Amino acid sequence: MSIGTGVVLFVIGAILEYALNIQVSWIDLHMVGYILMIAGAVVFVLGLIFSLRRKRSVTTNRTVVDPESQAKTTKHTTSSTNDDEV
């Protein structure tokens, strides 16, 4: 969600900076556009970093058949890896 928020902030800032030609006495829209573009870029980069740092887990299901009794046994194995551990 933060990646999309960063893109939206950047686009709104670019519209304020480059597409609008309106002068308002109480606020500088060009400065607000620059601030929103910088904030959008920061939020986008932080969203990428946090999404790449998530833990990854692998689940393996294995069914074993006993040859004598023909009984089926299912084994579940779950392993987690963190990007810091690799």
N, C-alpha and C. Protein backbone atom coordinates (compact mmCIF):
# COMPACT_ATOMS: atom_id res chain seq x y z
N MET A 1 0.81 -1.18 0.00
CA MET A 1 0.00 0.00 0.00
C MET A 1 0.87 1.26 0.00
N SER A 2 2.02 1.20 0.65
CA SER A 2 2.85 2.40 0.72
C SER A 2 3.48 2.72 -0.63
N ILE A 3 3.69 1.72 -1.47
CA ILE A 3 4.24 1.99 -2.80
C ILE A 3 3.23 2.80 -3.61
N GLY A 4 1.98 2.39 -3.56
CA GLY A 4 0.93 3.12 -4.26
C GLY A 4 0.72 4.52 -3.71
N THR A 5 0.83 4.66 -2.40
CA THR A 5 0.71 5.98 -1.79
C THR A 5 1.83 6.90 -2.25
N GLY A 6 3.04 6.35 -2.35
CA GLY A 6 4.16 7.14 -2.84
C GLY A 6 3.96 7.61 -4.27
N VAL A 7 3.45 6.73 -5.10
CA VAL A 7 3.20 7.10 -6.49
C VAL A 7 2.13 8.19 -6.57
N VAL A 8 1.06 8.04 -5.79
CA VAL A 8 -0.02 9.04 -5.80
C VAL A 8 0.49 10.39 -5.33
N LEU A 9 1.28 10.41 -4.26
CA LEU A 9 1.84 11.68 -3.78
C LEU A 9 2.73 12.33 -4.84
N PHE A 10 3.54 11.51 -5.49
CA PHE A 10 4.44 12.04 -6.51
C PHE A 10 3.64 12.63 -7.69
N VAL A 11 2.60 11.93 -8.11
CA VAL A 11 1.79 12.40 -9.24
C VAL A 11 1.06 13.69 -8.89
N ILE A 12 0.49 13.76 -7.70
CA ILE A 12 -0.20 14.99 -7.29
C ILE A 12 0.78 16.15 -7.22
N GLY A 13 1.97 15.89 -6.69
CA GLY A 13 2.99 16.94 -6.64
C GLY A 13 3.43 17.40 -8.02
N ALA A 14 3.56 16.45 -8.95
CA ALA A 14 3.94 16.82 -10.31
C ALA A 14 2.84 17.63 -10.99
N ILE A 15 1.60 17.28 -10.73
CA ILE A 15 0.49 18.06 -11.30
C ILE A 15 0.51 19.47 -10.74
N LEU A 16 0.71 19.60 -9.43
CA LEU A 16 0.76 20.94 -8.84
C LEU A 16 1.93 21.75 -9.38
N GLU A 17 3.05 21.11 -9.63
CA GLU A 17 4.23 21.82 -10.08
C GLU A 17 4.19 22.17 -11.56
N TYR A 18 3.84 21.21 -12.40
CA TYR A 18 4.02 21.39 -13.84
C TYR A 18 2.73 21.65 -14.62
N ALA A 19 1.59 21.18 -14.13
CA ALA A 19 0.37 21.26 -14.95
C ALA A 19 -0.50 22.46 -14.61
N LEU A 20 -0.47 22.92 -13.39
CA LEU A 20 -1.33 24.02 -13.00
C LEU A 20 -0.61 25.36 -13.14
N ASN A 21 -1.36 26.34 -13.60
CA ASN A 21 -0.82 27.68 -13.73
C ASN A 21 -1.72 28.64 -12.95
N ILE A 22 -1.87 28.34 -11.66
CA ILE A 22 -2.77 29.11 -10.81
C ILE A 22 -1.93 29.79 -9.72
N GLN A 23 -2.20 31.05 -9.47
CA GLN A 23 -1.53 31.78 -8.40
C GLN A 23 -2.51 31.96 -7.24
N VAL A 24 -2.13 31.47 -6.07
CA VAL A 24 -2.94 31.64 -4.87
C VAL A 24 -2.11 32.46 -3.90
N SER A 25 -2.73 33.46 -3.27
CA SER A 25 -1.97 34.39 -2.43
C SER A 25 -1.52 33.76 -1.11
N TRP A 26 -2.24 32.79 -0.60
CA TRP A 26 -1.95 32.27 0.72
C TRP A 26 -1.07 31.03 0.72
N ILE A 27 -0.73 30.45 -0.47
CA ILE A 27 0.12 29.26 -0.52
C ILE A 27 0.86 29.23 -1.85
N ASP A 28 2.07 28.74 -1.82
CA ASP A 28 2.87 28.59 -3.04
C ASP A 28 2.68 27.15 -3.55
N LEU A 29 1.88 26.99 -4.60
CA LEU A 29 1.56 25.67 -5.10
C LEU A 29 2.77 24.96 -5.69
N HIS A 30 3.73 25.71 -6.21
CA HIS A 30 4.93 25.09 -6.75
C HIS A 30 5.76 24.45 -5.64
N MET A 31 5.86 25.12 -4.52
CA MET A 31 6.60 24.56 -3.39
C MET A 31 5.88 23.33 -2.82
N VAL A 32 4.57 23.39 -2.74
CA VAL A 32 3.80 22.24 -2.27
C VAL A 32 3.99 21.06 -3.24
N GLY A 33 4.04 21.35 -4.53
CA GLY A 33 4.29 20.30 -5.51
C GLY A 33 5.63 19.64 -5.31
N TYR A 34 6.67 20.45 -5.08
CA TYR A 34 8.00 19.87 -4.82
C TYR A 34 8.01 19.03 -3.54
N ILE A 35 7.37 19.54 -2.50
CA ILE A 35 7.32 18.80 -1.23
C ILE A 35 6.60 17.47 -1.41
N LEU A 36 5.48 17.48 -2.14
CA LEU A 36 4.74 16.23 -2.36
C LEU A 36 5.53 15.25 -3.22
N MET A 37 6.27 15.75 -4.20
CA MET A 37 7.08 14.84 -5.03
C MET A 37 8.21 14.22 -4.21
N ILE A 38 8.84 15.00 -3.35
CA ILE A 38 9.90 14.45 -2.49
C ILE A 38 9.31 13.44 -1.51
N ALA A 39 8.19 13.79 -0.89
CA ALA A 39 7.55 12.87 0.05
C ALA A 39 7.10 11.59 -0.65
N GLY A 40 6.59 11.71 -1.85
CA GLY A 40 6.18 10.52 -2.60
C GLY A 40 7.35 9.63 -2.93
N ALA A 41 8.49 10.22 -3.30
CA ALA A 41 9.67 9.42 -3.60
C ALA A 41 10.17 8.71 -2.34
N VAL A 42 10.16 9.39 -1.21
CA VAL A 42 10.61 8.77 0.04
C VAL A 42 9.69 7.63 0.45
N VAL A 43 8.38 7.85 0.37
CA VAL A 43 7.42 6.80 0.73
C VAL A 43 7.55 5.61 -0.22
N PHE A 44 7.77 5.87 -1.50
CA PHE A 44 7.93 4.79 -2.48
C PHE A 44 9.17 3.94 -2.16
N VAL A 45 10.29 4.59 -1.87
CA VAL A 45 11.52 3.86 -1.57
C VAL A 45 11.37 3.08 -0.26
N LEU A 46 10.77 3.68 0.76
CA LEU A 46 10.56 2.96 2.01
C LEU A 46 9.62 1.76 1.82
N GLY A 47 8.60 1.93 1.00
CA GLY A 47 7.71 0.81 0.71
C GLY A 47 8.43 -0.33 0.02
N LEU A 48 9.32 -0.01 -0.91
CA LEU A 48 10.11 -1.05 -1.56
C LEU A 48 11.01 -1.77 -0.57
N ILE A 49 11.67 -1.01 0.28
CA ILE A 49 12.58 -1.61 1.27
C ILE A 49 11.82 -2.54 2.21
N PHE A 50 10.68 -2.07 2.73
CA PHE A 50 9.92 -2.90 3.66
C PHE A 50 9.31 -4.12 2.99
N SER A 51 8.92 -4.01 1.74
CA SER A 51 8.34 -5.18 1.07
C SER A 51 9.40 -6.21 0.73
N LEU A 52 10.63 -5.78 0.51
CA LEU A 52 11.71 -6.73 0.22
C LEU A 52 12.26 -7.37 1.48
N ARG A 53 12.03 -6.78 2.64
CA ARG A 53 12.55 -7.31 3.89
C ARG A 53 11.61 -8.28 4.58
N ARG A 54 10.46 -8.54 4.01
CA ARG A 54 9.50 -9.45 4.64
C ARG A 54 10.08 -10.86 4.72
N LYS A 55 9.63 -11.59 5.71
CA LYS A 55 10.07 -12.96 5.87
C LYS A 55 9.45 -13.83 4.78
N ARG A 56 10.23 -14.77 4.34
CA ARG A 56 9.74 -15.73 3.35
C ARG A 56 9.65 -17.09 4.03
N SER A 57 8.57 -17.80 3.78
CA SER A 57 8.42 -19.12 4.37
C SER A 57 8.13 -20.14 3.27
N VAL A 58 8.67 -21.32 3.47
CA VAL A 58 8.48 -22.42 2.53
C VAL A 58 7.83 -23.57 3.29
N THR A 59 6.72 -24.08 2.78
CA THR A 59 6.03 -25.20 3.41
C THR A 59 6.11 -26.40 2.48
N THR A 60 6.56 -27.52 3.05
CA THR A 60 6.70 -28.76 2.28
C THR A 60 5.79 -29.81 2.90
N ASN A 61 4.94 -30.42 2.08
CA ASN A 61 4.09 -31.51 2.52
C ASN A 61 4.57 -32.79 1.84
N ARG A 62 4.83 -33.82 2.64
CA ARG A 62 5.33 -35.07 2.10
C ARG A 62 4.49 -36.22 2.64
N THR A 63 3.99 -37.05 1.74
CA THR A 63 3.21 -38.22 2.15
C THR A 63 4.07 -39.46 1.99
N VAL A 64 4.19 -40.22 3.09
CA VAL A 64 5.01 -41.42 3.11
C VAL A 64 4.08 -42.61 3.30
N VAL A 65 4.28 -43.67 2.50
CA VAL A 65 3.48 -44.88 2.60
C VAL A 65 4.36 -45.97 3.19
N ASP A 66 3.88 -46.56 4.31
CA ASP A 66 4.59 -47.67 4.95
C ASP A 66 4.38 -48.93 4.10
N PRO A 67 5.47 -49.57 3.65
CA PRO A 67 5.31 -50.72 2.74
C PRO A 67 4.64 -51.92 3.39
N GLU A 68 4.76 -52.11 4.69
CA GLU A 68 4.17 -53.29 5.34
C GLU A 68 2.69 -53.11 5.62
N SER A 69 2.32 -51.98 6.21
CA SER A 69 0.92 -51.81 6.60
C SER A 69 0.12 -50.98 5.59
N GLN A 70 0.78 -50.43 4.58
CA GLN A 70 0.16 -49.57 3.57
C GLN A 70 -0.50 -48.33 4.18
N ALA A 71 -0.02 -47.91 5.35
CA ALA A 71 -0.56 -46.73 6.02
C ALA A 71 0.14 -45.49 5.44
N LYS A 72 -0.66 -44.45 5.25
CA LYS A 72 -0.12 -43.20 4.72
C LYS A 72 0.12 -42.23 5.87
N THR A 73 1.28 -41.62 5.86
CA THR A 73 1.64 -40.62 6.87
C THR A 73 2.04 -39.35 6.14
N THR A 74 1.46 -38.23 6.56
CA THR A 74 1.78 -36.95 5.94
C THR A 74 2.64 -36.14 6.91
N LYS A 75 3.76 -35.64 6.40
CA LYS A 75 4.66 -34.82 7.20
C LYS A 75 4.65 -33.40 6.66
N HIS A 76 4.51 -32.44 7.57
CA HIS A 76 4.49 -31.03 7.21
C HIS A 76 5.77 -30.38 7.74
N THR A 77 6.50 -29.69 6.88
CA THR A 77 7.71 -29.00 7.27
C THR A 77 7.60 -27.54 6.82
N THR A 78 7.84 -26.63 7.75
CA THR A 78 7.80 -25.21 7.44
C THR A 78 9.13 -24.59 7.85
N SER A 79 9.73 -23.85 6.93
CA SER A 79 10.97 -23.15 7.25
C SER A 79 10.83 -21.69 6.85
N SER A 80 11.37 -20.82 7.69
CA SER A 80 11.31 -19.38 7.43
C SER A 80 12.71 -18.85 7.24
N THR A 81 12.84 -17.92 6.31
CA THR A 81 14.12 -17.25 6.11
C THR A 81 13.88 -15.76 6.20
N ASN A 82 14.82 -15.10 6.81
CA ASN A 82 14.77 -13.64 6.92
C ASN A 82 15.93 -13.12 6.08
N ASP A 83 15.75 -11.96 5.45
CA ASP A 83 16.81 -11.41 4.61
C ASP A 83 18.06 -11.09 5.42
N ASP A 84 17.92 -10.84 6.73
CA ASP A 84 19.09 -10.54 7.56
C ASP A 84 19.93 -11.78 7.81
N GLU A 85 19.31 -12.97 7.76
CA GLU A 85 20.03 -14.20 8.06
C GLU A 85 20.82 -14.70 6.88
N VAL A 86 20.45 -14.31 5.66
CA VAL A 86 21.09 -14.85 4.46
C VAL A 86 22.42 -14.23 4.23
